[in-house]
Every structure is written in C-alpha cells, then in structure tokens.
C-alpha cells in the first residue's frame, strides 16, 4: 500500500508590521490604573460633563468637518467619555502656542486639552498633569510633487510652513539654520492661528514648497491627495525639540488635582493593548 499522505500544512500569512508604536515609558502603579472610578473626578462643571479645549487645525488628529469635531483625538476622548459616563463639551482654541496650558488657567474652565499635543521640556507647569503618551510620532515634510523635498533640509529651495510653537516648526528652524545660517528665515513661514485647510490649499496651489507635519499626519494628508502631494521619509526630531522621553510623543495635558490623568491613563493603556488605538489609526489613514 502506498504510504498515507500527511495532512497538508496550514499556511498562515503574517500580518504586516504595524507602524503604530504604543508608548509606555513611565513606571506605572497598576492597581491605580485598573479602576476607572478611582479616584473620583473633580471636574470644572461638576459631575457628568468634561470640558475639553481642542485645537482643531491638525487634520486628521483634530479638525472640524461640517460643524462637527472629528479626528483621532476626538475619537479617543469620546470613547473615554462613554466608558466613564461623561458628556464631552468642547471649547475651541485658535492659538496653538499655549493650547497645552488651557487646563492650568482657572478662567478657561477646562479639564484637559487635545489636538495632537506633544510632551516637551518647555511644556511643564505645576498646575498641569500629563497622561501617559499614547503613541510616538516622527517628523516629516509634505511637499508638492512638482517641487519635491525628498531630503530635508537638503532639497529646500522655497518656503516651508509650520505652526508657530509646534515641535515640527522648532525642528525645522534648527535644521534649516544648519543649512542656511541666518538666512533660514527666508525659507520659513511660522504661521499663527492659520487654518489647517489653508496651509494644505497653499501647498496644493504651489504657493509654498513644503508643510512641516508629524509622520502620521503627513501620511493622512498624502493619502487624500496622492497625485499631487508626497512626503519625505520620516526622521526623529532634532535634539532641542525633543521632550522628556527622548522622542516626540502625543499625550493629554490635564488639570492637576482633577483625577483625570489617572483615569485617562487606564483607558489609554486598554486602548493600546486591546487594539482599539491601532484601529483608530487605520481609520484615519495615519
């Protein structure tokens, strides 16, 4: 009798490696993070409502679409609110420069700030408590394919735009000074209170050569305009732009003493470990 054939081997395809880098770099007291109801929240407007300062000019992290707030940070915060039984109330911030400070200012009456805010050495206050970072972001520049910047700053010949006070702008200043010296500002447009849609429109129209953005955000913008825009290979932010983690990380600044940072830490850890955060990144083409 011919020998029996063995059962065919099951072939499984390996999933491509994720570009998402969940970040947990602080020592965590686990028992503190496992209970959403401890400690009790002390919110500005009382129980049941969470007031959120939002800088809505960083597509697709936080932006406005037909009067509604949308984006990765919006989805994260609204998921947290559902899990904690809270109703979100948004307070729009038009000035990025001090967006992270809003929860520390009593007159603002907000509990936290969102909008793609990176932890940095200069963003510290005795009235602010930062959450754990929820992902690492690298730097890139989005360019018009008619005038590409495949290497930064080597290929810069025109003007590049960034948001004043952002890590991307600070990184660009540091690198362009290395190439152009005192003439670096001839190639920089640090915009203040500039709508995100206008910056992208200027790039599409060829009015500027490049747009400084984080790698996740840059990828989403290029996905929207693949025939007109491209982006440089991402790089790590220049040393002077880095925060306390040695790289750029997104986190939420909360009002110290509210108990909010601890509860958000628990939610963010679960979202990272159960795949919810990765799904949101894919949803927004980041």
C-alpha atoms as a PDB file:
ATOM      1  CA  UNK A   1       0.000   0.000   0.000  1.00  0.00           C
ATOM      2  CA  UNK A   2       1.239   3.467  -0.769  1.00  0.00           C
ATOM      3  CA  UNK A   3       2.153   5.447   2.320  1.00  0.00           C
ATOM      4  CA  UNK A   4      -0.549   7.691   3.700  1.00  0.00           C
ATOM      5  CA  UNK A   5      -0.146  11.278   2.808  1.00  0.00           C
ATOM      6  CA  UNK A   6       0.204  13.582   5.749  1.00  0.00           C
ATOM      7  CA  UNK A   7      -2.339  16.352   6.205  1.00  0.00           C
ATOM      8  CA  UNK A   8      -1.307  19.465   4.320  1.00  0.00           C
ATOM      9  CA  UNK A   9       0.463  22.058   6.391  1.00  0.00           C
ATOM     10  CA  UNK A  10      -1.629  25.053   7.215  1.00  0.00           C
ATOM     11  CA  UNK A  11      -0.057  28.176   5.790  1.00  0.00           C
ATOM     12  CA  UNK A  12      -0.711  31.346   7.699  1.00  0.00           C
ATOM     13  CA  UNK A  13       0.182  34.726   6.352  1.00  0.00           C
ATOM     14  CA  UNK A  14       1.966  37.003   8.728  1.00  0.00           C
ATOM     15  CA  UNK A  15       0.347  40.370   9.209  1.00  0.00           C
ATOM     16  CA  UNK A  16       2.498  43.288   8.086  1.00  0.00           C
ATOM     17  CA  UNK A  17       4.267  45.030  10.948  1.00  0.00           C
ATOM     18  CA  UNK A  18       2.282  47.890  12.413  1.00  0.00           C
ATOM     19  CA  UNK A  19       3.649  51.400  12.107  1.00  0.00           C
ATOM     20  CA  UNK A  20       1.966  52.225  15.403  1.00  0.00           C
ATOM     21  CA  UNK A  21       4.304  52.407  18.364  1.00  0.00           C
ATOM     22  CA  UNK A  22       2.357  52.241  21.632  1.00  0.00           C
ATOM     23  CA  UNK A  23       4.394  54.047  24.248  1.00  0.00           C
ATOM     24  CA  UNK A  24       4.518  53.179  27.917  1.00  0.00           C
ATOM     25  CA  UNK A  25       7.741  54.596  29.256  1.00  0.00           C
ATOM     26  CA  UNK A  26       6.888  55.547  32.819  1.00  0.00           C
ATOM     27  CA  UNK A  27       6.669  53.148  35.747  1.00  0.00           C
ATOM     28  CA  UNK A  28       3.004  52.587  36.420  1.00  0.00           C
ATOM     29  CA  UNK A  29       1.269  51.630  39.664  1.00  0.00           C
ATOM     30  CA  UNK A  30      -1.046  49.074  38.064  1.00  0.00           C
ATOM     31  CA  UNK A  31      -3.710  48.982  40.782  1.00  0.00           C
ATOM     32  CA  UNK A  32      -4.157  52.739  40.376  1.00  0.00           C
ATOM     33  CA  UNK A  33      -4.851  52.358  36.659  1.00  0.00           C
ATOM     34  CA  UNK A  34      -7.283  49.445  36.680  1.00  0.00           C
ATOM     35  CA  UNK A  35     -10.252  51.254  38.211  1.00  0.00           C
ATOM     36  CA  UNK A  36     -11.952  53.997  36.222  1.00  0.00           C
ATOM     37  CA  UNK A  37     -13.936  55.125  39.256  1.00  0.00           C
ATOM     38  CA  UNK A  38     -10.928  55.782  41.479  1.00  0.00           C
ATOM     39  CA  UNK A  39     -10.035  58.489  42.237  1.00  0.00           C
ATOM     40  CA  UNK A  40     -13.292  60.399  41.910  1.00  0.00           C
ATOM     41  CA  UNK A  41     -13.103  63.146  39.325  1.00  0.00           C
ATOM     42  CA  UNK A  42     -13.127  66.793  40.334  1.00  0.00           C
ATOM     43  CA  UNK A  43     -14.272  68.487  37.125  1.00  0.00           C
ATOM     44  CA  UNK A  44     -14.825  72.171  36.418  1.00  0.00           C
ATOM     45  CA  UNK A  45     -18.533  71.926  35.669  1.00  0.00           C
ATOM     46  CA  UNK A  46     -19.364  69.164  38.108  1.00  0.00           C
ATOM     47  CA  UNK A  47     -20.163  65.508  37.670  1.00  0.00           C
ATOM     48  CA  UNK A  48     -21.183  64.163  34.290  1.00  0.00           C
ATOM     49  CA  UNK A  49     -19.555  66.707  31.959  1.00  0.00           C
ATOM     50  CA  UNK A  50     -15.992  67.016  30.694  1.00  0.00           C
ATOM     51  CA  UNK A  51     -14.839  70.367  29.277  1.00  0.00           C
ATOM     52  CA  UNK A  52     -12.178  69.926  26.604  1.00  0.00           C
ATOM     53  CA  UNK A  53     -10.003  72.601  24.998  1.00  0.00           C
ATOM     54  CA  UNK A  54      -9.456  71.468  21.402  1.00  0.00           C
ATOM     55  CA  UNK A  55      -7.056  72.843  18.806  1.00  0.00           C
ATOM     56  CA  UNK A  56      -8.873  71.715  15.664  1.00  0.00           C
ATOM     57  CA  UNK A  57      -6.306  72.594  12.985  1.00  0.00           C
ATOM     58  CA  UNK A  58      -4.344  69.325  12.760  1.00  0.00           C
ATOM     59  CA  UNK A  59      -6.077  67.026  10.278  1.00  0.00           C
ATOM     60  CA  UNK A  60      -6.699  64.141  10.967  1.00  0.00           C
ATOM     61  CA  UNK A  61      -5.850  64.326  14.690  1.00  0.00           C
ATOM     62  CA  UNK A  62      -8.423  67.032  15.472  1.00  0.00           C
ATOM     63  CA  UNK A  63     -10.348  69.099  12.925  1.00  0.00           C
ATOM     64  CA  UNK A  64     -13.775  70.482  12.032  1.00  0.00           C
ATOM     65  CA  UNK A  65     -15.945  68.984   9.304  1.00  0.00           C
ATOM     66  CA  UNK A  66     -19.394  70.455   8.590  1.00  0.00           C
ATOM     67  CA  UNK A  67     -19.521  71.931  12.078  1.00  0.00           C
ATOM     68  CA  UNK A  68     -18.556  68.696  13.859  1.00  0.00           C
ATOM     69  CA  UNK A  69     -15.290  67.868  15.615  1.00  0.00           C
ATOM     70  CA  UNK A  70     -13.546  64.840  14.147  1.00  0.00           C
ATOM     71  CA  UNK A  71     -10.199  63.088  14.314  1.00  0.00           C
ATOM     72  CA  UNK A  72      -8.105  60.609  16.267  1.00  0.00           C
ATOM     73  CA  UNK A  73      -8.032  62.661  19.481  1.00  0.00           C
ATOM     74  CA  UNK A  74     -11.789  63.276  19.259  1.00  0.00           C
ATOM     75  CA  UNK A  75     -12.462  59.543  18.895  1.00  0.00           C
ATOM     76  CA  UNK A  76     -10.177  58.729  21.822  1.00  0.00           C
ATOM     77  CA  UNK A  77     -11.720  61.287  24.158  1.00  0.00           C
ATOM     78  CA  UNK A  78     -15.292  60.413  23.200  1.00  0.00           C
ATOM     79  CA  UNK A  79     -14.508  56.722  23.751  1.00  0.00           C
ATOM     80  CA  UNK A  80     -13.184  57.605  27.190  1.00  0.00           C
ATOM     81  CA  UNK A  81     -16.290  59.690  27.947  1.00  0.00           C
ATOM     82  CA  UNK A  82     -18.573  56.777  27.018  1.00  0.00           C
ATOM     83  CA  UNK A  83     -16.632  54.416  29.269  1.00  0.00           C
ATOM     84  CA  UNK A  84     -16.662  56.888  32.173  1.00  0.00           C
ATOM     85  CA  UNK A  85     -20.263  58.083  31.763  1.00  0.00           C
ATOM     86  CA  UNK A  86     -19.260  61.635  30.846  1.00  0.00           C
ATOM     87  CA  UNK A  87     -20.602  64.080  28.279  1.00  0.00           C
ATOM     88  CA  UNK A  88     -17.878  65.939  26.308  1.00  0.00           C
ATOM     89  CA  UNK A  89     -18.116  69.719  25.948  1.00  0.00           C
ATOM     90  CA  UNK A  90     -15.633  71.256  23.506  1.00  0.00           C
ATOM     91  CA  UNK A  91     -14.047  74.683  23.827  1.00  0.00           C
ATOM     92  CA  UNK A  92     -12.305  75.633  20.589  1.00  0.00           C
ATOM     93  CA  UNK A  93      -8.759  77.002  20.852  1.00  0.00           C
ATOM     94  CA  UNK A  94      -7.485  79.073  17.919  1.00  0.00           C
ATOM     95  CA  UNK A  95      -3.976  79.710  19.223  1.00  0.00           C
ATOM     96  CA  UNK A  96      -1.768  76.617  19.217  1.00  0.00           C
ATOM     97  CA  UNK A  97       1.044  78.372  21.077  1.00  0.00           C
ATOM     98  CA  UNK A  98      -0.497  77.977  24.536  1.00  0.00           C
ATOM     99  CA  UNK A  99      -3.111  75.279  23.880  1.00  0.00           C
ATOM    100  CA  UNK A 100      -1.410  72.883  26.289  1.00  0.00           C
ATOM    101  CA  UNK A 101      -1.721  75.431  29.132  1.00  0.00           C
ATOM    102  CA  UNK A 102      -5.507  75.846  28.977  1.00  0.00           C
ATOM    103  CA  UNK A 103      -6.294  73.358  31.789  1.00  0.00           C
ATOM    104  CA  UNK A 104      -3.963  75.272  34.137  1.00  0.00           C
ATOM    105  CA  UNK A 105      -5.818  78.572  33.714  1.00  0.00           C
ATOM    106  CA  UNK A 106      -8.816  78.816  36.007  1.00  0.00           C
ATOM    107  CA  UNK A 107     -10.560  81.386  33.836  1.00  0.00           C
ATOM    108  CA  UNK A 108     -10.594  78.930  30.916  1.00  0.00           C
ATOM    109  CA  UNK A 109     -12.602  76.401  32.977  1.00  0.00           C
ATOM    110  CA  UNK A 110     -11.444  73.351  31.022  1.00  0.00           C
ATOM    111  CA  UNK A 111     -10.316  69.965  32.316  1.00  0.00           C
ATOM    112  CA  UNK A 112      -7.896  68.908  29.577  1.00  0.00           C
ATOM    113  CA  UNK A 113      -6.586  69.901  26.148  1.00  0.00           C
ATOM    114  CA  UNK A 114      -6.361  67.844  22.950  1.00  0.00           C
ATOM    115  CA  UNK A 115      -5.235  68.328  19.351  1.00  0.00           C
ATOM    116  CA  UNK A 116      -2.005  66.435  18.676  1.00  0.00           C
ATOM    117  CA  UNK A 117      -0.111  67.875  21.652  1.00  0.00           C
ATOM    118  CA  UNK A 118       3.397  66.551  22.216  1.00  0.00           C
ATOM    119  CA  UNK A 119       5.072  66.463  25.612  1.00  0.00           C
ATOM    120  CA  UNK A 120       8.100  68.709  25.626  1.00  0.00           C
ATOM    121  CA  UNK A 121      10.573  70.046  28.145  1.00  0.00           C
ATOM    122  CA  UNK A 122       9.155  73.580  27.916  1.00  0.00           C
ATOM    123  CA  UNK A 123       5.548  72.405  28.350  1.00  0.00           C
ATOM    124  CA  UNK A 124       5.602  71.999  32.099  1.00  0.00           C
ATOM    125  CA  UNK A 125       3.502  73.617  34.788  1.00  0.00           C
ATOM    126  CA  UNK A 126       2.764  72.922  38.438  1.00  0.00           C
ATOM    127  CA  UNK A 127      -0.936  73.048  37.508  1.00  0.00           C
ATOM    128  CA  UNK A 128      -0.697  70.503  34.645  1.00  0.00           C
ATOM    129  CA  UNK A 129      -0.577  66.717  34.891  1.00  0.00           C
ATOM    130  CA  UNK A 130       0.201  64.875  31.655  1.00  0.00           C
ATOM    131  CA  UNK A 131      -1.224  61.485  30.780  1.00  0.00           C
ATOM    132  CA  UNK A 132       0.966  58.663  29.607  1.00  0.00           C
ATOM    133  CA  UNK A 133       1.879  59.092  25.933  1.00  0.00           C
ATOM    134  CA  UNK A 134      -0.352  57.168  23.546  1.00  0.00           C
ATOM    135  CA  UNK A 135       1.982  56.984  20.546  1.00  0.00           C
ATOM    136  CA  UNK A 136       5.318  58.093  19.200  1.00  0.00           C
ATOM    137  CA  UNK A 137       5.399  60.409  16.214  1.00  0.00           C
ATOM    138  CA  UNK A 138       8.320  61.229  13.949  1.00  0.00           C
ATOM    139  CA  UNK A 139       8.861  64.305  11.785  1.00  0.00           C
ATOM    140  CA  UNK A 140       8.302  64.689   8.053  1.00  0.00           C
ATOM    141  CA  UNK A 141       7.588  67.317   5.433  1.00  0.00           C
ATOM    142  CA  UNK A 142       4.709  67.091   2.970  1.00  0.00           C
ATOM    143  CA  UNK A 143       5.588  68.522  -0.430  1.00  0.00           C
ATOM    144  CA  UNK A 144       4.065  69.275  -3.809  1.00  0.00           C
ATOM    145  CA  UNK A 145       5.218  66.659  -6.333  1.00  0.00           C
ATOM    146  CA  UNK A 146       6.047  69.461  -8.790  1.00  0.00           C
ATOM    147  CA  UNK A 147       8.742  70.731  -6.393  1.00  0.00           C
ATOM    148  CA  UNK A 148       9.697  67.787  -4.159  1.00  0.00           C
ATOM    149  CA  UNK A 149      11.624  67.784  -0.880  1.00  0.00           C
ATOM    150  CA  UNK A 150      12.715  64.165  -0.663  1.00  0.00           C
ATOM    151  CA  UNK A 151      15.566  65.073   1.687  1.00  0.00           C
ATOM    152  CA  UNK A 152      15.130  67.682   4.400  1.00  0.00           C
ATOM    153  CA  UNK A 153      16.655  70.225   4.572  1.00  0.00           C
ATOM    154  CA  UNK A 154      18.925  69.451   1.582  1.00  0.00           C
ATOM    155  CA  UNK A 155      16.184  69.848  -1.056  1.00  0.00           C
ATOM    156  CA  UNK A 156      14.635  73.037   0.348  1.00  0.00           C
ATOM    157  CA  UNK A 157      14.755  75.876  -2.165  1.00  0.00           C
ATOM    158  CA  UNK A 158      11.466  77.647  -1.437  1.00  0.00           C
ATOM    159  CA  UNK A 159       9.367  78.340   1.654  1.00  0.00           C
ATOM    160  CA  UNK A 160       8.186  75.709   4.127  1.00  0.00           C
ATOM    161  CA  UNK A 161       5.297  76.296   6.519  1.00  0.00           C
ATOM    162  CA  UNK A 162       4.813  75.167  10.099  1.00  0.00           C
ATOM    163  CA  UNK A 163       2.661  76.027  13.097  1.00  0.00           C
ATOM    164  CA  UNK A 164       4.328  78.524  15.420  1.00  0.00           C
ATOM    165  CA  UNK A 165       5.383  76.863  18.657  1.00  0.00           C
ATOM    166  CA  UNK A 166       4.914  73.311  17.360  1.00  0.00           C
ATOM    167  CA  UNK A 167       7.603  70.645  17.544  1.00  0.00           C
ATOM    168  CA  UNK A 168       7.609  70.485  13.744  1.00  0.00           C
ATOM    169  CA  UNK A 169       8.343  74.189  13.427  1.00  0.00           C
ATOM    170  CA  UNK A 170      11.043  74.087  16.108  1.00  0.00           C
ATOM    171  CA  UNK A 171      12.662  71.121  14.380  1.00  0.00           C
ATOM    172  CA  UNK A 172      12.549  72.911  11.009  1.00  0.00           C
ATOM    173  CA  UNK A 173      14.158  76.043  12.457  1.00  0.00           C
ATOM    174  CA  UNK A 174      17.006  74.034  13.956  1.00  0.00           C
ATOM    175  CA  UNK A 175      17.700  72.072  10.755  1.00  0.00           C
ATOM    176  CA  UNK A 176      17.328  74.957   8.298  1.00  0.00           C
ATOM    177  CA  UNK A 177      19.729  77.065  10.351  1.00  0.00           C
ATOM    178  CA  UNK A 178      22.311  74.329   9.848  1.00  0.00           C
ATOM    179  CA  UNK A 179      21.920  74.733   6.072  1.00  0.00           C
ATOM    180  CA  UNK A 180      21.177  78.424   5.591  1.00  0.00           C
ATOM    181  CA  UNK A 181      22.511  80.060   8.766  1.00  0.00           C
ATOM    182  CA  UNK A 182      20.943  83.477   9.357  1.00  0.00           C
ATOM    183  CA  UNK A 183      19.120  83.194   6.013  1.00  0.00           C
ATOM    184  CA  UNK A 184      16.985  80.320   7.353  1.00  0.00           C
ATOM    185  CA  UNK A 185      14.020  82.645   7.899  1.00  0.00           C
ATOM    186  CA  UNK A 186      13.892  83.353   4.165  1.00  0.00           C
ATOM    187  CA  UNK A 187      12.691  79.751   3.846  1.00  0.00           C
ATOM    188  CA  UNK A 188      10.381  79.588   6.866  1.00  0.00           C
ATOM    189  CA  UNK A 189       6.804  80.718   7.381  1.00  0.00           C
ATOM    190  CA  UNK A 190       5.825  80.171  11.017  1.00  0.00           C
ATOM    191  CA  UNK A 191       2.056  80.591  10.911  1.00  0.00           C
ATOM    192  CA  UNK A 192      -0.022  81.645  13.897  1.00  0.00           C
ATOM    193  CA  UNK A 193      -3.757  80.900  14.042  1.00  0.00           C
ATOM    194  CA  UNK A 194      -3.591  79.658  10.453  1.00  0.00           C
ATOM    195  CA  UNK A 195      -6.369  77.238   9.405  1.00  0.00           C
ATOM    196  CA  UNK A 196      -5.037  73.792   8.545  1.00  0.00           C
ATOM    197  CA  UNK A 197      -7.147  73.704   5.363  1.00  0.00           C
ATOM    198  CA  UNK A 198      -5.485  76.931   4.136  1.00  0.00           C
ATOM    199  CA  UNK A 199      -1.990  75.529   4.680  1.00  0.00           C
ATOM    200  CA  UNK A 200      -2.837  72.406   2.672  1.00  0.00           C
ATOM    201  CA  UNK A 201      -4.501  74.511  -0.037  1.00  0.00           C
ATOM    202  CA  UNK A 202      -1.393  76.707  -0.334  1.00  0.00           C
ATOM    203  CA  UNK A 203       0.706  73.578  -0.781  1.00  0.00           C
ATOM    204  CA  UNK A 204      -1.610  72.172  -3.456  1.00  0.00           C
ATOM    205  CA  UNK A 205      -1.543  75.513  -5.290  1.00  0.00           C
ATOM    206  CA  UNK A 206       2.263  75.640  -5.225  1.00  0.00           C
ATOM    207  CA  UNK A 207       2.383  78.798  -3.089  1.00  0.00           C
ATOM    208  CA  UNK A 208       4.715  77.028  -0.646  1.00  0.00           C
ATOM    209  CA  UNK A 209       7.194  74.196  -1.141  1.00  0.00           C
ATOM    210  CA  UNK A 210       6.512  72.153   1.972  1.00  0.00           C
ATOM    211  CA  UNK A 211       4.398  71.690   5.087  1.00  0.00           C
ATOM    212  CA  UNK A 212       6.009  70.557   8.350  1.00  0.00           C
ATOM    213  CA  UNK A 213       3.950  67.790   9.941  1.00  0.00           C
ATOM    214  CA  UNK A 214       4.246  64.664  12.052  1.00  0.00           C
ATOM    215  CA  UNK A 215       4.690  61.386  10.206  1.00  0.00           C
ATOM    216  CA  UNK A 216       1.168  60.092  10.961  1.00  0.00           C
ATOM    217  CA  UNK A 217      -0.470  63.355   9.934  1.00  0.00           C
ATOM    218  CA  UNK A 218       1.690  63.651   6.819  1.00  0.00           C
ATOM    219  CA  UNK A 219       0.683  60.168   5.688  1.00  0.00           C
ATOM    220  CA  UNK A 220      -3.013  61.011   6.044  1.00  0.00           C
ATOM    221  CA  UNK A 221      -2.666  64.250   4.041  1.00  0.00           C
ATOM    222  CA  UNK A 222      -0.820  62.482   1.210  1.00  0.00           C
ATOM    223  CA  UNK A 223      -3.469  59.726   1.171  1.00  0.00           C
ATOM    224  CA  UNK A 224      -6.063  62.417   0.419  1.00  0.00           C
ATOM    225  CA  UNK A 225      -4.034  63.902  -2.469  1.00  0.00           C
ATOM    226  CA  UNK A 226      -1.819  61.080  -3.808  1.00  0.00           C
ATOM    227  CA  UNK A 227      -1.444  62.561  -7.312  1.00  0.00           C
ATOM    228  CA  UNK A 228      -0.352  65.985  -6.084  1.00  0.00           C
ATOM    229  CA  UNK A 229       1.499  65.505  -2.801  1.00  0.00           C
ATOM    230  CA  UNK A 230       4.287  63.380  -1.401  1.00  0.00           C
ATOM    231  CA  UNK A 231       6.204  63.225   1.870  1.00  0.00           C
ATOM    232  CA  UNK A 232       9.817  62.750   2.876  1.00  0.00           C
ATOM    233  CA  UNK A 233      10.999  59.671   4.743  1.00  0.00           C
ATOM    234  CA  UNK A 234      10.241  60.399   8.439  1.00  0.00           C
ATOM    235  CA  UNK A 235      13.066  61.342  10.799  1.00  0.00           C
ATOM    236  CA  UNK A 236      13.498  61.869  14.531  1.00  0.00           C
ATOM    237  CA  UNK A 237      13.066  65.426  15.765  1.00  0.00           C
ATOM    238  CA  UNK A 238      16.226  67.458  16.314  1.00  0.00           C
ATOM    239  CA  UNK A 239      17.585  67.194  19.889  1.00  0.00           C
ATOM    240  CA  UNK A 240      16.440  70.631  21.076  1.00  0.00           C
ATOM    241  CA  UNK A 241      12.871  69.806  20.020  1.00  0.00           C
ATOM    242  CA  UNK A 242      12.656  66.542  21.976  1.00  0.00           C
ATOM    243  CA  UNK A 243      10.606  66.097  25.111  1.00  0.00           C
ATOM    244  CA  UNK A 244      11.398  64.192  28.311  1.00  0.00           C
ATOM    245  CA  UNK A 245      11.046  60.815  26.556  1.00  0.00           C
ATOM    246  CA  UNK A 246      13.935  61.292  24.121  1.00  0.00           C
ATOM    247  CA  UNK A 247      11.495  61.372  21.197  1.00  0.00           C
ATOM    248  CA  UNK A 248       8.223  63.066  20.322  1.00  0.00           C
ATOM    249  CA  UNK A 249       5.125  61.604  21.935  1.00  0.00           C
ATOM    250  CA  UNK A 250       1.485  62.661  22.000  1.00  0.00           C
ATOM    251  CA  UNK A 251      -0.261  62.926  25.371  1.00  0.00           C
ATOM    252  CA  UNK A 252      -3.103  64.862  27.004  1.00  0.00           C
ATOM    253  CA  UNK A 253      -2.409  67.716  29.465  1.00  0.00           C
ATOM    254  CA  UNK A 254      -4.955  67.616  32.320  1.00  0.00           C
ATOM    255  CA  UNK A 255      -5.700  69.919  35.214  1.00  0.00           C
ATOM    256  CA  UNK A 256      -3.674  68.682  38.173  1.00  0.00           C
ATOM    257  CA  UNK A 257      -5.762  67.515  41.104  1.00  0.00           C
ATOM    258  CA  UNK A 258      -8.792  66.583  38.990  1.00  0.00           C
ATOM    259  CA  UNK A 259      -8.015  62.847  38.974  1.00  0.00           C
ATOM    260  CA  UNK A 260      -8.486  62.891  35.215  1.00  0.00           C
ATOM    261  CA  UNK A 261      -4.952  61.907  34.178  1.00  0.00           C
ATOM    262  CA  UNK A 262      -5.088  58.647  36.161  1.00  0.00           C
ATOM    263  CA  UNK A 263      -8.426  57.661  34.645  1.00  0.00           C
ATOM    264  CA  UNK A 264      -7.285  58.544  31.129  1.00  0.00           C
ATOM    265  CA  UNK A 265      -4.103  56.510  31.679  1.00  0.00           C
ATOM    266  CA  UNK A 266      -6.203  53.422  32.387  1.00  0.00           C
ATOM    267  CA  UNK A 267      -8.300  53.997  29.278  1.00  0.00           C
ATOM    268  CA  UNK A 268      -5.292  54.657  27.014  1.00  0.00           C
ATOM    269  CA  UNK A 269      -3.489  51.541  28.224  1.00  0.00           C
ATOM    270  CA  UNK A 270      -6.537  49.404  27.481  1.00  0.00           C
ATOM    271  CA  UNK A 271      -6.975  51.021  24.053  1.00  0.00           C
ATOM    272  CA  UNK A 272      -3.331  50.303  23.261  1.00  0.00           C
ATOM    273  CA  UNK A 273      -3.395  46.684  24.411  1.00  0.00           C
ATOM    274  CA  UNK A 274      -6.798  45.650  23.022  1.00  0.00           C
ATOM    275  CA  UNK A 275      -6.150  47.098  19.558  1.00  0.00           C
ATOM    276  CA  UNK A 276      -8.638  49.991  19.727  1.00  0.00           C
ATOM    277  CA  UNK A 277      -5.891  52.582  19.272  1.00  0.00           C
ATOM    278  CA  UNK A 278      -4.423  50.759  16.262  1.00  0.00           C
ATOM    279  CA  UNK A 279      -7.891  50.552  14.699  1.00  0.00           C
ATOM    280  CA  UNK A 280      -8.372  54.304  15.090  1.00  0.00           C
ATOM    281  CA  UNK A 281      -5.015  54.986  13.450  1.00  0.00           C
ATOM    282  CA  UNK A 282      -6.066  52.856  10.465  1.00  0.00           C
ATOM    283  CA  UNK A 283      -9.490  54.522  10.367  1.00  0.00           C
ATOM    284  CA  UNK A 284      -7.858  57.924   9.873  1.00  0.00           C
ATOM    285  CA  UNK A 285      -5.299  56.637   7.311  1.00  0.00           C
ATOM    286  CA  UNK A 286      -2.397  57.550   9.558  1.00  0.00           C
END
